[in-house]
């Protein structure tokens, strides 16, 4: 995938809205479509196959943020057509190893989400994930985290993570400023969804967002 690429997170609570938002994302130029954690929780794992149909030739990411017994989730995501699935980096090494094993045996790539890793441990954790064989890393601030810690930024520590590893590092962002700062720090891909997708003129806004990200390509 040519850097930078854009993954659009579909974090709706039902498949009908997910189809609508996926259509917007594809028209806007999304490179990857994410079956978001809320969608998987509310609709169940079977929604992955629907998302694959909605997305056509664009790869689908199953955002499990898997924690335990992860092999079965990755295997099933692959069976339904997903190309990437996520595991929480903060889990024990056994969970990461099982995600990687499933990836190799079923042909699905592994993204380790650095969500909730203490800032001072991010670079070291990133190194550990790469050593265990994951394909991608994601720097991720959650909605709850930003509510209680508004001083934290999506781009914080991205440079340190990127310099610690050789695999692509993505950053989950809330707006174009976050995205551009993260790209300047070395991020290979950007994850975006809300608040753009549920806003007025979402297609226009998302198209502009993706164009601005792509304009940073060397």
N, C-alpha and C. Protein backbone atom coordinates (compact mmCIF):
# COMPACT_ATOMS: atom_id res chain seq x y z
N UNK A 1 0.84 -1.19 0.00
CA UNK A 1 0.00 0.00 0.00
C UNK A 1 0.88 1.25 0.00
N UNK A 2 0.62 2.15 -0.93
CA UNK A 2 1.37 3.39 -1.00
C UNK A 2 1.05 4.28 0.19
N UNK A 3 2.10 4.81 0.82
CA UNK A 3 1.91 5.68 1.99
C UNK A 3 1.69 7.12 1.55
N UNK A 4 0.89 7.86 2.31
CA UNK A 4 0.03 7.39 3.41
C UNK A 4 -1.31 6.87 2.87
N UNK A 5 -1.88 5.91 3.58
CA UNK A 5 -3.22 5.47 3.21
C UNK A 5 -4.19 5.79 4.34
N UNK A 6 -5.47 5.74 4.00
CA UNK A 6 -6.51 6.17 4.94
C UNK A 6 -7.50 5.03 5.19
N UNK A 7 -7.67 4.72 6.44
CA UNK A 7 -8.63 3.71 6.90
C UNK A 7 -9.81 4.45 7.53
N UNK A 8 -11.01 4.16 7.05
CA UNK A 8 -12.19 4.82 7.59
C UNK A 8 -12.93 3.86 8.52
N UNK A 9 -13.06 4.28 9.77
CA UNK A 9 -13.71 3.46 10.80
C UNK A 9 -15.22 3.63 10.75
N UNK A 10 -15.92 2.53 10.58
CA UNK A 10 -17.39 2.53 10.56
C UNK A 10 -17.85 2.06 11.94
N UNK A 11 -18.14 3.01 12.79
CA UNK A 11 -18.44 2.72 14.20
C UNK A 11 -19.92 2.87 14.52
N UNK A 12 -20.78 2.56 13.55
CA UNK A 12 -22.22 2.62 13.78
C UNK A 12 -22.67 1.41 14.60
N UNK A 13 -23.95 1.41 14.95
CA UNK A 13 -24.48 0.33 15.77
C UNK A 13 -25.34 -0.65 14.99
N UNK A 14 -25.48 -0.43 13.68
CA UNK A 14 -26.27 -1.37 12.87
C UNK A 14 -25.75 -1.41 11.44
N UNK A 15 -26.05 -2.50 10.76
CA UNK A 15 -25.52 -2.73 9.43
C UNK A 15 -26.07 -1.76 8.39
N UNK A 16 -27.30 -1.33 8.56
CA UNK A 16 -27.90 -0.41 7.59
C UNK A 16 -27.15 0.91 7.55
N UNK A 17 -26.89 1.47 8.71
CA UNK A 17 -26.13 2.72 8.77
C UNK A 17 -24.68 2.47 8.33
N UNK A 18 -24.16 1.31 8.65
CA UNK A 18 -22.80 0.97 8.23
C UNK A 18 -22.69 0.96 6.71
N UNK A 19 -23.70 0.45 6.04
CA UNK A 19 -23.69 0.44 4.58
C UNK A 19 -23.69 1.87 4.03
N UNK A 20 -24.51 2.73 4.64
CA UNK A 20 -24.56 4.13 4.21
C UNK A 20 -23.21 4.80 4.39
N UNK A 21 -22.61 4.63 5.56
CA UNK A 21 -21.32 5.27 5.84
C UNK A 21 -20.19 4.68 4.98
N UNK A 22 -20.26 3.39 4.72
CA UNK A 22 -19.26 2.78 3.85
C UNK A 22 -19.33 3.37 2.45
N UNK A 23 -20.54 3.61 1.97
CA UNK A 23 -20.70 4.24 0.67
C UNK A 23 -20.07 5.61 0.61
N UNK A 24 -20.25 6.39 1.67
CA UNK A 24 -19.63 7.71 1.76
C UNK A 24 -18.11 7.59 1.75
N UNK A 25 -17.60 6.66 2.56
CA UNK A 25 -16.16 6.47 2.66
C UNK A 25 -15.54 6.08 1.33
N UNK A 26 -16.20 5.20 0.60
CA UNK A 26 -15.67 4.75 -0.69
C UNK A 26 -15.68 5.89 -1.71
N UNK A 27 -16.75 6.66 -1.73
CA UNK A 27 -16.83 7.80 -2.65
C UNK A 27 -15.75 8.84 -2.32
N UNK A 28 -15.42 8.96 -1.04
CA UNK A 28 -14.43 9.94 -0.60
C UNK A 28 -13.00 9.50 -0.89
N UNK A 29 -12.81 8.20 -1.20
CA UNK A 29 -11.48 7.72 -1.56
C UNK A 29 -10.78 6.88 -0.51
N UNK A 30 -11.53 6.27 0.40
CA UNK A 30 -10.92 5.44 1.45
C UNK A 30 -10.13 4.29 0.86
N UNK A 31 -8.99 3.98 1.48
CA UNK A 31 -8.16 2.86 1.06
C UNK A 31 -8.53 1.56 1.78
N UNK A 32 -8.89 1.68 3.04
CA UNK A 32 -9.35 0.55 3.84
C UNK A 32 -10.65 0.95 4.54
N UNK A 33 -11.52 -0.03 4.75
CA UNK A 33 -12.76 0.18 5.50
C UNK A 33 -12.69 -0.67 6.77
N UNK A 34 -12.97 -0.03 7.90
CA UNK A 34 -12.93 -0.73 9.18
C UNK A 34 -14.32 -1.09 9.68
N UNK A 35 -14.53 -2.36 9.95
CA UNK A 35 -15.71 -2.79 10.70
C UNK A 35 -15.40 -2.50 12.17
N UNK A 36 -15.90 -1.38 12.66
CA UNK A 36 -15.50 -0.87 13.97
C UNK A 36 -15.98 -1.72 15.13
N UNK A 37 -15.33 -1.52 16.26
CA UNK A 37 -15.67 -2.29 17.46
C UNK A 37 -17.13 -2.16 17.85
N UNK A 38 -17.73 -0.94 17.88
CA UNK A 38 -19.15 -0.86 18.22
C UNK A 38 -20.03 -1.67 17.26
N UNK A 39 -19.72 -1.62 15.97
CA UNK A 39 -20.50 -2.38 15.00
C UNK A 39 -20.40 -3.88 15.26
N UNK A 40 -19.21 -4.36 15.55
CA UNK A 40 -19.02 -5.78 15.85
C UNK A 40 -19.75 -6.18 17.13
N UNK A 41 -19.74 -5.30 18.12
CA UNK A 41 -20.42 -5.59 19.39
C UNK A 41 -21.94 -5.67 19.18
N UNK A 42 -22.49 -4.71 18.47
CA UNK A 42 -23.94 -4.62 18.35
C UNK A 42 -24.52 -5.59 17.32
N UNK A 43 -23.80 -5.79 16.23
CA UNK A 43 -24.31 -6.65 15.15
C UNK A 43 -23.78 -8.07 15.23
N UNK A 44 -22.66 -8.26 15.90
CA UNK A 44 -22.05 -9.59 15.96
C UNK A 44 -21.03 -9.79 14.85
N UNK A 45 -20.23 -10.82 15.01
CA UNK A 45 -19.10 -11.05 14.11
C UNK A 45 -19.53 -11.27 12.67
N UNK A 46 -20.76 -11.73 12.46
CA UNK A 46 -21.25 -11.98 11.10
C UNK A 46 -21.36 -10.73 10.24
N UNK A 47 -21.28 -9.56 10.87
CA UNK A 47 -21.37 -8.32 10.09
C UNK A 47 -20.13 -8.11 9.23
N UNK A 48 -19.04 -8.80 9.53
CA UNK A 48 -17.83 -8.66 8.73
C UNK A 48 -18.11 -9.01 7.27
N UNK A 49 -18.82 -10.11 7.05
CA UNK A 49 -19.12 -10.53 5.69
C UNK A 49 -19.95 -9.47 4.96
N UNK A 50 -20.87 -8.84 5.67
CA UNK A 50 -21.66 -7.77 5.06
C UNK A 50 -20.77 -6.59 4.70
N UNK A 51 -19.85 -6.25 5.59
CA UNK A 51 -18.94 -5.13 5.33
C UNK A 51 -18.05 -5.42 4.13
N UNK A 52 -17.64 -6.67 3.97
CA UNK A 52 -16.84 -7.05 2.81
C UNK A 52 -17.63 -6.84 1.52
N UNK A 53 -18.92 -7.19 1.55
CA UNK A 53 -19.77 -6.97 0.37
C UNK A 53 -19.98 -5.48 0.12
N UNK A 54 -20.20 -4.72 1.18
CA UNK A 54 -20.39 -3.27 1.02
C UNK A 54 -19.15 -2.62 0.42
N UNK A 55 -17.98 -3.16 0.76
CA UNK A 55 -16.71 -2.50 0.42
C UNK A 55 -16.13 -2.90 -0.92
N UNK A 56 -16.66 -3.96 -1.53
CA UNK A 56 -16.18 -4.36 -2.83
C UNK A 56 -14.72 -4.77 -2.79
N UNK A 57 -13.89 -4.12 -3.60
CA UNK A 57 -12.47 -4.48 -3.69
C UNK A 57 -11.61 -3.81 -2.62
N UNK A 58 -12.20 -2.95 -1.82
CA UNK A 58 -11.44 -2.24 -0.78
C UNK A 58 -11.31 -3.13 0.45
N UNK A 59 -10.09 -3.33 0.97
CA UNK A 59 -9.90 -4.24 2.11
C UNK A 59 -10.68 -3.82 3.35
N UNK A 60 -11.15 -4.82 4.09
CA UNK A 60 -11.89 -4.60 5.34
C UNK A 60 -11.02 -4.99 6.52
N UNK A 61 -11.01 -4.15 7.54
CA UNK A 61 -10.31 -4.38 8.80
C UNK A 61 -11.34 -4.74 9.87
N UNK A 62 -11.16 -5.86 10.53
CA UNK A 62 -12.04 -6.25 11.63
C UNK A 62 -11.43 -5.74 12.93
N UNK A 63 -12.04 -4.71 13.49
CA UNK A 63 -11.45 -4.05 14.66
C UNK A 63 -11.93 -4.70 15.96
N UNK A 64 -11.48 -5.93 16.17
CA UNK A 64 -11.85 -6.65 17.40
C UNK A 64 -11.25 -6.02 18.65
N UNK A 65 -10.02 -5.49 18.51
CA UNK A 65 -9.21 -5.20 19.70
C UNK A 65 -9.19 -6.46 20.58
N UNK A 66 -8.92 -7.58 19.95
CA UNK A 66 -9.03 -8.89 20.61
C UNK A 66 -8.10 -8.99 21.82
N UNK A 67 -8.55 -9.74 22.82
CA UNK A 67 -7.82 -9.83 24.08
C UNK A 67 -7.43 -11.25 24.46
N UNK A 68 -8.32 -12.20 24.31
CA UNK A 68 -8.03 -13.57 24.73
C UNK A 68 -8.74 -14.52 23.78
N UNK A 69 -8.18 -15.70 23.61
CA UNK A 69 -8.77 -16.66 22.67
C UNK A 69 -8.84 -16.09 21.27
N UNK A 70 -7.83 -15.33 20.90
CA UNK A 70 -7.93 -14.50 19.70
C UNK A 70 -7.85 -15.30 18.41
N UNK A 71 -7.27 -16.49 18.43
CA UNK A 71 -7.11 -17.26 17.20
C UNK A 71 -8.45 -17.42 16.47
N UNK A 72 -9.49 -17.78 17.21
CA UNK A 72 -10.77 -18.05 16.57
C UNK A 72 -11.37 -16.82 15.93
N UNK A 73 -11.13 -15.65 16.53
CA UNK A 73 -11.66 -14.41 15.95
C UNK A 73 -10.97 -14.08 14.64
N UNK A 74 -9.64 -14.21 14.63
CA UNK A 74 -8.90 -13.92 13.41
C UNK A 74 -9.23 -14.92 12.31
N UNK A 75 -9.35 -16.19 12.67
CA UNK A 75 -9.68 -17.21 11.68
C UNK A 75 -11.05 -16.95 11.07
N UNK A 76 -12.01 -16.58 11.89
CA UNK A 76 -13.36 -16.32 11.38
C UNK A 76 -13.40 -15.05 10.54
N UNK A 77 -12.68 -14.03 10.96
CA UNK A 77 -12.62 -12.79 10.18
C UNK A 77 -12.05 -13.08 8.79
N UNK A 78 -11.02 -13.90 8.75
CA UNK A 78 -10.43 -14.26 7.45
C UNK A 78 -11.43 -15.04 6.61
N UNK A 79 -12.15 -15.96 7.23
CA UNK A 79 -13.13 -16.75 6.49
C UNK A 79 -14.19 -15.87 5.85
N UNK A 80 -14.57 -14.81 6.56
CA UNK A 80 -15.59 -13.90 6.04
C UNK A 80 -15.04 -12.87 5.06
N UNK A 81 -13.72 -12.84 4.87
CA UNK A 81 -13.17 -11.98 3.84
C UNK A 81 -12.39 -10.77 4.31
N UNK A 82 -12.25 -10.57 5.62
CA UNK A 82 -11.45 -9.45 6.12
C UNK A 82 -9.98 -9.67 5.79
N UNK A 83 -9.26 -8.59 5.55
CA UNK A 83 -7.85 -8.67 5.21
C UNK A 83 -6.93 -8.37 6.40
N UNK A 84 -7.46 -7.66 7.40
CA UNK A 84 -6.69 -7.26 8.59
C UNK A 84 -7.61 -7.38 9.79
N UNK A 85 -7.05 -7.72 10.96
CA UNK A 85 -7.80 -7.69 12.21
C UNK A 85 -6.89 -7.16 13.31
N UNK A 86 -7.50 -6.67 14.37
CA UNK A 86 -6.73 -6.00 15.43
C UNK A 86 -6.72 -6.80 16.73
N UNK A 87 -5.59 -6.71 17.41
CA UNK A 87 -5.41 -7.29 18.73
C UNK A 87 -4.85 -6.20 19.63
N UNK A 88 -5.21 -6.21 20.90
CA UNK A 88 -4.68 -5.23 21.83
C UNK A 88 -3.24 -5.56 22.19
N UNK A 89 -2.35 -4.60 21.97
CA UNK A 89 -0.94 -4.81 22.27
C UNK A 89 -0.69 -4.98 23.76
N UNK A 90 -1.58 -4.45 24.57
CA UNK A 90 -1.40 -4.46 26.02
C UNK A 90 -1.68 -5.83 26.64
N UNK A 91 -2.11 -6.78 25.81
CA UNK A 91 -2.39 -8.13 26.31
C UNK A 91 -1.08 -8.91 26.52
N UNK A 92 -1.21 -10.09 27.12
CA UNK A 92 -0.06 -10.97 27.32
C UNK A 92 0.47 -11.43 25.96
N UNK A 93 1.73 -11.85 25.93
CA UNK A 93 2.35 -12.23 24.67
C UNK A 93 1.65 -13.42 24.01
N UNK A 94 1.02 -14.27 24.81
CA UNK A 94 0.32 -15.41 24.25
C UNK A 94 -0.77 -14.99 23.27
N UNK A 95 -1.49 -13.93 23.62
CA UNK A 95 -2.56 -13.45 22.74
C UNK A 95 -2.00 -12.91 21.43
N UNK A 96 -0.87 -12.22 21.51
CA UNK A 96 -0.26 -11.69 20.30
C UNK A 96 0.25 -12.84 19.42
N UNK A 97 0.87 -13.82 20.05
CA UNK A 97 1.37 -14.97 19.30
C UNK A 97 0.24 -15.72 18.60
N UNK A 98 -0.89 -15.85 19.26
CA UNK A 98 -2.03 -16.53 18.67
C UNK A 98 -2.62 -15.73 17.50
N UNK A 99 -2.63 -14.41 17.62
CA UNK A 99 -3.09 -13.58 16.51
C UNK A 99 -2.18 -13.76 15.31
N UNK A 100 -0.88 -13.75 15.54
CA UNK A 100 0.09 -13.91 14.46
C UNK A 100 -0.02 -15.31 13.85
N UNK A 101 -0.21 -16.32 14.69
CA UNK A 101 -0.36 -17.70 14.18
C UNK A 101 -1.60 -17.79 13.29
N UNK A 102 -2.69 -17.22 13.73
CA UNK A 102 -3.91 -17.23 12.92
C UNK A 102 -3.70 -16.48 11.61
N UNK A 103 -2.97 -15.38 11.71
CA UNK A 103 -2.70 -14.61 10.50
C UNK A 103 -1.96 -15.41 9.46
N UNK A 104 -0.94 -16.13 9.90
CA UNK A 104 -0.14 -16.94 8.98
C UNK A 104 -0.94 -18.11 8.42
N UNK A 105 -1.76 -18.73 9.26
CA UNK A 105 -2.48 -19.92 8.83
C UNK A 105 -3.72 -19.62 8.01
N UNK A 106 -4.28 -18.41 8.16
CA UNK A 106 -5.53 -18.09 7.47
C UNK A 106 -5.42 -16.90 6.53
N UNK A 107 -4.22 -16.33 6.40
CA UNK A 107 -4.02 -15.28 5.41
C UNK A 107 -4.64 -13.96 5.77
N UNK A 108 -4.56 -13.57 7.04
CA UNK A 108 -5.07 -12.27 7.47
C UNK A 108 -3.97 -11.55 8.22
N UNK A 109 -3.82 -10.25 7.96
CA UNK A 109 -2.75 -9.49 8.60
C UNK A 109 -3.17 -9.03 10.00
N UNK A 110 -2.16 -8.77 10.82
CA UNK A 110 -2.38 -8.45 12.23
C UNK A 110 -1.95 -7.01 12.51
N UNK A 111 -2.87 -6.25 13.08
CA UNK A 111 -2.55 -4.90 13.56
C UNK A 111 -2.64 -4.90 15.08
N UNK A 112 -1.56 -4.52 15.74
CA UNK A 112 -1.56 -4.43 17.20
C UNK A 112 -1.90 -3.00 17.60
N UNK A 113 -2.99 -2.85 18.32
CA UNK A 113 -3.47 -1.54 18.75
C UNK A 113 -2.81 -1.19 20.09
N UNK A 114 -2.11 -0.07 20.12
CA UNK A 114 -1.38 0.37 21.31
C UNK A 114 -2.26 1.10 22.32
N UNK A 115 -3.54 0.98 22.18
CA UNK A 115 -4.50 1.59 23.09
C UNK A 115 -4.20 1.20 24.54
N UNK A 116 -4.13 2.20 25.41
CA UNK A 116 -3.95 2.04 26.86
C UNK A 116 -2.53 1.66 27.28
N UNK A 117 -1.60 1.59 26.34
CA UNK A 117 -0.21 1.41 26.73
C UNK A 117 0.30 2.72 27.33
N UNK A 118 0.90 2.70 28.53
CA UNK A 118 1.40 3.94 29.14
C UNK A 118 2.36 4.65 28.19
N UNK A 119 2.30 5.98 28.11
CA UNK A 119 3.13 6.74 27.15
C UNK A 119 4.60 6.39 27.20
N UNK A 120 5.14 6.22 28.41
CA UNK A 120 6.57 5.95 28.54
C UNK A 120 6.95 4.55 28.07
N UNK A 121 5.94 3.71 27.82
CA UNK A 121 6.21 2.34 27.39
C UNK A 121 5.89 2.10 25.91
N UNK A 122 5.41 3.12 25.21
CA UNK A 122 4.93 2.93 23.85
C UNK A 122 6.01 2.41 22.90
N UNK A 123 7.17 3.04 22.91
CA UNK A 123 8.23 2.63 21.98
C UNK A 123 8.67 1.20 22.26
N UNK A 124 8.84 0.85 23.53
CA UNK A 124 9.27 -0.50 23.89
C UNK A 124 8.21 -1.52 23.53
N UNK A 125 6.95 -1.18 23.77
CA UNK A 125 5.86 -2.10 23.41
C UNK A 125 5.80 -2.29 21.91
N UNK A 126 6.02 -1.21 21.17
CA UNK A 126 6.02 -1.30 19.71
C UNK A 126 7.10 -2.27 19.23
N UNK A 127 8.29 -2.16 19.81
CA UNK A 127 9.38 -3.08 19.47
C UNK A 127 8.99 -4.53 19.76
N UNK A 128 8.37 -4.74 20.90
CA UNK A 128 7.97 -6.10 21.29
C UNK A 128 6.94 -6.66 20.31
N UNK A 129 6.00 -5.83 19.86
CA UNK A 129 4.98 -6.28 18.92
C UNK A 129 5.61 -6.66 17.57
N UNK A 130 6.55 -5.84 17.13
CA UNK A 130 7.23 -6.15 15.88
C UNK A 130 8.00 -7.47 16.00
N UNK A 131 8.67 -7.67 17.11
CA UNK A 131 9.44 -8.89 17.33
C UNK A 131 8.55 -10.14 17.32
N UNK A 132 7.30 -9.97 17.76
CA UNK A 132 6.36 -11.10 17.79
C UNK A 132 5.72 -11.36 16.43
N UNK A 133 5.91 -10.44 15.48
CA UNK A 133 5.49 -10.72 14.11
C UNK A 133 4.24 -10.02 13.61
N UNK A 134 3.76 -8.98 14.32
CA UNK A 134 2.59 -8.27 13.81
C UNK A 134 2.97 -7.48 12.56
N UNK A 135 1.97 -7.17 11.76
CA UNK A 135 2.20 -6.48 10.48
C UNK A 135 2.11 -4.96 10.59
N UNK A 136 1.27 -4.48 11.49
CA UNK A 136 1.04 -3.04 11.65
C UNK A 136 0.89 -2.70 13.13
N UNK A 137 1.10 -1.43 13.43
CA UNK A 137 0.84 -0.88 14.76
C UNK A 137 -0.12 0.28 14.62
N UNK A 138 -0.93 0.51 15.65
CA UNK A 138 -1.84 1.64 15.66
C UNK A 138 -1.72 2.40 16.97
N UNK A 139 -1.42 3.69 16.86
CA UNK A 139 -1.44 4.59 18.02
C UNK A 139 -2.86 5.14 18.14
N UNK A 140 -3.47 4.97 19.30
CA UNK A 140 -4.91 5.16 19.41
C UNK A 140 -5.29 5.78 20.76
N UNK A 141 -5.88 6.97 20.69
CA UNK A 141 -6.53 7.55 21.88
C UNK A 141 -8.01 7.26 21.80
N UNK A 142 -8.59 6.77 22.87
CA UNK A 142 -10.01 6.49 22.87
C UNK A 142 -10.86 7.69 23.23
N UNK A 143 -12.16 7.59 22.97
CA UNK A 143 -13.09 8.68 23.27
C UNK A 143 -13.12 8.98 24.77
N UNK A 144 -13.17 7.93 25.58
CA UNK A 144 -13.22 8.13 27.03
C UNK A 144 -11.93 8.78 27.53
N UNK A 145 -10.82 8.34 26.97
CA UNK A 145 -9.53 8.88 27.38
C UNK A 145 -9.44 10.38 27.09
N UNK A 146 -9.87 10.77 25.91
CA UNK A 146 -9.78 12.19 25.55
C UNK A 146 -10.76 13.05 26.35
N UNK A 147 -11.86 12.43 26.78
CA UNK A 147 -12.83 13.16 27.60
C UNK A 147 -12.22 13.54 28.94
N UNK A 148 -11.48 12.63 29.54
CA UNK A 148 -10.92 12.87 30.87
C UNK A 148 -9.49 13.42 30.84
N UNK A 149 -8.83 13.28 29.70
CA UNK A 149 -7.46 13.78 29.56
C UNK A 149 -7.35 14.59 28.27
N UNK A 150 -8.03 15.74 28.21
CA UNK A 150 -8.09 16.52 26.96
C UNK A 150 -6.74 17.05 26.50
N UNK A 151 -5.75 17.06 27.38
CA UNK A 151 -4.44 17.56 26.99
C UNK A 151 -3.67 16.57 26.12
N UNK A 152 -4.09 15.32 26.09
CA UNK A 152 -3.41 14.31 25.29
C UNK A 152 -3.78 14.48 23.81
N UNK A 153 -2.78 14.29 22.94
CA UNK A 153 -2.98 14.47 21.51
C UNK A 153 -2.74 13.16 20.77
N UNK A 154 -3.45 13.00 19.67
CA UNK A 154 -3.29 11.79 18.86
C UNK A 154 -1.85 11.60 18.40
N UNK A 155 -1.17 12.70 18.12
CA UNK A 155 0.18 12.63 17.56
C UNK A 155 1.27 12.47 18.62
N UNK A 156 0.91 12.52 19.89
CA UNK A 156 1.90 12.35 20.96
C UNK A 156 2.61 11.00 20.82
N UNK A 157 3.94 11.01 20.89
CA UNK A 157 4.78 9.82 20.90
C UNK A 157 4.79 9.04 19.57
N UNK A 158 4.16 9.59 18.54
CA UNK A 158 4.19 8.89 17.25
C UNK A 158 5.61 8.80 16.72
N UNK A 159 6.36 9.88 16.82
CA UNK A 159 7.74 9.89 16.33
C UNK A 159 8.56 8.81 17.02
N UNK A 160 8.41 8.69 18.33
CA UNK A 160 9.17 7.69 19.09
C UNK A 160 8.79 6.27 18.66
N UNK A 161 7.52 6.05 18.41
CA UNK A 161 7.07 4.72 17.98
C UNK A 161 7.64 4.40 16.60
N UNK A 162 7.51 5.34 15.68
CA UNK A 162 7.98 5.14 14.31
C UNK A 162 9.49 4.85 14.28
N UNK A 163 10.24 5.57 15.09
CA UNK A 163 11.69 5.38 15.11
C UNK A 163 12.11 4.06 15.75
N UNK A 164 11.20 3.46 16.52
CA UNK A 164 11.52 2.21 17.23
C UNK A 164 11.31 0.97 16.37
N UNK A 165 10.56 1.08 15.27
CA UNK A 165 10.18 -0.10 14.49
C UNK A 165 10.37 0.13 12.99
N UNK A 166 10.26 -0.94 12.23
CA UNK A 166 10.35 -0.84 10.77
C UNK A 166 9.02 -1.13 10.09
N UNK A 167 8.01 -1.58 10.84
CA UNK A 167 6.70 -1.86 10.26
C UNK A 167 5.85 -0.58 10.25
N UNK A 168 4.80 -0.53 9.40
CA UNK A 168 3.98 0.68 9.32
C UNK A 168 3.25 0.97 10.64
N UNK A 169 3.20 2.25 10.97
CA UNK A 169 2.51 2.74 12.16
C UNK A 169 1.35 3.63 11.72
N UNK A 170 0.16 3.32 12.19
CA UNK A 170 -1.00 4.15 11.91
C UNK A 170 -1.39 4.95 13.14
N UNK A 171 -2.19 5.99 12.93
CA UNK A 171 -2.67 6.82 14.03
C UNK A 171 -4.16 7.06 13.84
N UNK A 172 -4.91 6.80 14.88
CA UNK A 172 -6.35 7.10 14.89
C UNK A 172 -6.53 8.57 15.26
N UNK A 173 -7.23 9.32 14.42
CA UNK A 173 -7.31 10.77 14.59
C UNK A 173 -8.76 11.25 14.66
N UNK A 174 -8.91 12.47 15.14
CA UNK A 174 -10.24 13.08 15.22
C UNK A 174 -10.45 14.19 14.19
N UNK A 175 -9.38 14.64 13.55
CA UNK A 175 -9.49 15.71 12.58
C UNK A 175 -8.21 15.86 11.79
N UNK A 176 -8.23 16.78 10.82
CA UNK A 176 -7.10 16.90 9.90
C UNK A 176 -5.84 17.40 10.60
N UNK A 177 -5.96 18.25 11.61
CA UNK A 177 -4.77 18.71 12.33
C UNK A 177 -4.05 17.53 12.97
N UNK A 178 -4.81 16.65 13.63
CA UNK A 178 -4.23 15.44 14.22
C UNK A 178 -3.52 14.61 13.15
N UNK A 179 -4.18 14.47 12.01
CA UNK A 179 -3.64 13.64 10.94
C UNK A 179 -2.33 14.20 10.40
N UNK A 180 -2.30 15.49 10.11
CA UNK A 180 -1.11 16.10 9.54
C UNK A 180 0.06 16.07 10.52
N UNK A 181 -0.22 16.28 11.79
CA UNK A 181 0.85 16.20 12.80
C UNK A 181 1.39 14.78 12.89
N UNK A 182 0.51 13.81 12.81
CA UNK A 182 0.94 12.41 12.90
C UNK A 182 1.75 12.00 11.68
N UNK A 183 1.34 12.46 10.51
CA UNK A 183 2.08 12.16 9.29
C UNK A 183 3.46 12.81 9.32
N UNK A 184 3.52 14.03 9.83
CA UNK A 184 4.81 14.72 9.95
C UNK A 184 5.75 13.97 10.89
N UNK A 185 5.17 13.24 11.85
CA UNK A 185 5.96 12.45 12.81
C UNK A 185 6.34 11.08 12.25
N UNK A 186 5.86 10.75 11.05
CA UNK A 186 6.26 9.51 10.42
C UNK A 186 5.20 8.44 10.25
N UNK A 187 3.96 8.74 10.58
CA UNK A 187 2.89 7.74 10.44
C UNK A 187 2.72 7.32 8.98
N UNK A 188 2.41 6.05 8.78
CA UNK A 188 2.20 5.50 7.44
C UNK A 188 0.74 5.54 7.02
N UNK A 189 -0.17 5.48 7.99
CA UNK A 189 -1.59 5.54 7.65
C UNK A 189 -2.37 6.23 8.76
N UNK A 190 -3.54 6.71 8.36
CA UNK A 190 -4.41 7.46 9.26
C UNK A 190 -5.76 6.76 9.35
N UNK A 191 -6.29 6.67 10.54
CA UNK A 191 -7.63 6.12 10.76
C UNK A 191 -8.55 7.27 11.15
N UNK A 192 -9.65 7.39 10.44
CA UNK A 192 -10.61 8.48 10.67
C UNK A 192 -12.03 7.94 10.51
N UNK A 193 -12.96 8.51 11.18
CA UNK A 193 -14.36 8.14 11.05
C UNK A 193 -15.20 9.24 11.66
N UNK A 194 -15.40 9.14 12.96
CA UNK A 194 -16.09 10.20 13.68
C UNK A 194 -15.09 11.27 14.12
N UNK A 195 -15.53 12.51 14.18
CA UNK A 195 -16.91 12.99 14.04
C UNK A 195 -17.34 13.30 12.61
N UNK A 196 -16.51 13.04 11.61
CA UNK A 196 -16.84 13.46 10.24
C UNK A 196 -18.04 12.71 9.69
N UNK A 197 -18.07 11.39 9.82
CA UNK A 197 -19.09 10.60 9.13
C UNK A 197 -20.51 10.94 9.54
N UNK A 198 -20.73 11.33 10.77
CA UNK A 198 -22.09 11.63 11.22
C UNK A 198 -22.42 13.11 11.13
N UNK A 199 -21.53 13.91 10.56
CA UNK A 199 -21.76 15.35 10.46
C UNK A 199 -22.48 15.70 9.16
N UNK A 200 -22.96 16.94 9.07
CA UNK A 200 -23.56 17.41 7.83
C UNK A 200 -22.46 17.52 6.76
N UNK A 201 -22.86 17.27 5.51
CA UNK A 201 -21.92 17.33 4.39
C UNK A 201 -20.73 16.39 4.61
N UNK A 202 -21.03 15.19 5.12
CA UNK A 202 -19.97 14.24 5.46
C UNK A 202 -19.12 13.88 4.26
N UNK A 203 -19.72 13.67 3.10
CA UNK A 203 -18.96 13.28 1.91
C UNK A 203 -17.97 14.37 1.54
N UNK A 204 -18.42 15.59 1.53
CA UNK A 204 -17.53 16.71 1.19
C UNK A 204 -16.38 16.82 2.18
N UNK A 205 -16.69 16.70 3.47
CA UNK A 205 -15.67 16.83 4.51
C UNK A 205 -14.67 15.68 4.45
N UNK A 206 -15.17 14.47 4.26
CA UNK A 206 -14.29 13.31 4.25
C UNK A 206 -13.42 13.31 2.99
N UNK A 207 -13.98 13.73 1.87
CA UNK A 207 -13.20 13.84 0.64
C UNK A 207 -12.05 14.81 0.83
N UNK A 208 -12.34 15.94 1.46
CA UNK A 208 -11.30 16.95 1.72
C UNK A 208 -10.25 16.40 2.68
N UNK A 209 -10.68 15.66 3.70
CA UNK A 209 -9.76 15.08 4.65
C UNK A 209 -8.80 14.11 3.96
N UNK A 210 -9.34 13.21 3.19
CA UNK A 210 -8.51 12.21 2.51
C UNK A 210 -7.56 12.88 1.52
N UNK A 211 -8.04 13.87 0.80
CA UNK A 211 -7.20 14.59 -0.16
C UNK A 211 -6.03 15.27 0.55
N UNK A 212 -6.30 15.84 1.73
CA UNK A 212 -5.23 16.51 2.48
C UNK A 212 -4.19 15.53 2.97
N UNK A 213 -4.64 14.36 3.39
CA UNK A 213 -3.70 13.31 3.81
C UNK A 213 -2.86 12.85 2.63
N UNK A 214 -3.48 12.58 1.51
CA UNK A 214 -2.77 12.09 0.33
C UNK A 214 -1.78 13.13 -0.21
N UNK A 215 -2.09 14.40 0.00
CA UNK A 215 -1.22 15.47 -0.50
C UNK A 215 0.13 15.50 0.20
N UNK A 216 0.26 14.80 1.31
CA UNK A 216 1.53 14.76 2.05
C UNK A 216 2.48 13.70 1.49
N UNK A 217 2.01 12.89 0.55
CA UNK A 217 2.84 11.81 0.00
C UNK A 217 4.09 12.38 -0.66
N UNK A 218 5.22 11.72 -0.46
CA UNK A 218 6.48 12.16 -1.07
C UNK A 218 6.56 11.71 -2.53
